[in-house]
Protein backbone atom coordinates (compact mmCIF):
# COMPACT_ATOMS: atom_id res chain seq x y z
CA UNK A 1 121.30 99.66 184.82
CA UNK A 2 124.65 100.65 183.62
CA UNK A 3 125.08 101.78 179.84
CA UNK A 4 127.86 100.94 177.58
CA UNK A 5 129.01 101.73 173.91
CA UNK A 6 129.94 99.33 171.45
CA UNK A 7 132.18 100.77 168.52
CA UNK A 8 131.16 99.19 165.02
CA UNK A 9 132.30 100.28 161.81
CA UNK A 10 130.00 102.44 159.42
CA UNK A 11 129.18 99.35 157.30
CA UNK A 12 128.30 97.25 160.14
CA UNK A 13 125.99 100.18 161.36
CA UNK A 14 124.21 100.26 158.17
CA UNK A 15 123.76 96.67 158.00
CA UNK A 16 122.23 96.75 161.66
CA UNK A 17 119.97 99.77 160.80
CA UNK A 18 118.43 97.97 158.17
CA UNK A 19 117.36 94.80 160.70
CA UNK A 20 116.22 97.15 163.48
CA UNK A 21 112.38 97.71 163.53
CA UNK A 22 111.34 101.37 163.76
CA UNK A 23 109.41 100.84 167.08
CA UNK A 24 112.42 99.09 168.89
CA UNK A 25 115.29 100.47 171.01
CA UNK A 26 118.76 99.38 170.29
CA UNK A 27 118.58 97.21 173.54
CA UNK A 28 115.43 95.50 172.34
CA UNK A 29 116.83 94.78 168.68
CA UNK A 30 120.05 93.35 170.04
CA UNK A 31 117.93 91.13 172.89
CA UNK A 32 115.73 90.13 169.82
CA UNK A 33 118.36 89.10 167.59
CA UNK A 34 120.47 87.27 170.46
CA UNK A 35 117.66 85.35 171.91
CA UNK A 36 118.29 81.69 172.23
CA UNK A 37 114.39 80.97 171.73
CA UNK A 38 113.53 78.84 168.75
CA UNK A 39 110.78 80.63 166.15
CA UNK A 40 107.88 78.83 165.66
CA UNK A 41 108.37 76.46 162.69
CA UNK A 42 106.20 75.60 159.52
CA UNK A 43 104.14 72.51 160.58
CA UNK A 44 104.14 73.66 164.34
CA UNK A 45 100.53 73.04 164.30
CA UNK A 46 98.84 69.89 163.51
CA UNK A 47 96.16 70.21 160.46
CA UNK A 48 93.36 70.32 162.96
CA UNK A 49 94.58 73.25 164.73
CA UNK A 50 95.74 75.04 161.45
CA UNK A 51 92.18 74.48 160.13
CA UNK A 52 90.67 76.08 163.11
CA UNK A 53 93.01 78.92 162.97
CA UNK A 54 92.02 79.77 159.36
CA UNK A 55 88.26 79.39 160.25
CA UNK A 56 88.71 81.72 162.85
CA UNK A 57 90.62 84.22 160.77
CA UNK A 58 87.53 83.64 158.18
CA UNK A 59 84.76 84.29 160.79
CA UNK A 60 86.68 87.52 161.97
CA UNK A 61 86.66 89.08 158.61
CA UNK A 62 82.98 88.34 157.87
CA UNK A 63 82.17 89.82 161.24
CA UNK A 64 84.33 93.00 160.46
CA UNK A 65 82.10 93.91 157.13
């Protein structure tokens, strides 16, 4: 895989640094912010699916104690 450099000014680099996660490479970061996949929107689950998910979380917390 070839590598390249992209010159940016200091202010732009500082803004990018604030958005980049500590555990990702610059390549992973740029891929993440340029992806065309749509994020999950609120309301993506039906009420029934959301209730099942909440119940599963409650149960896992009770079992963890």
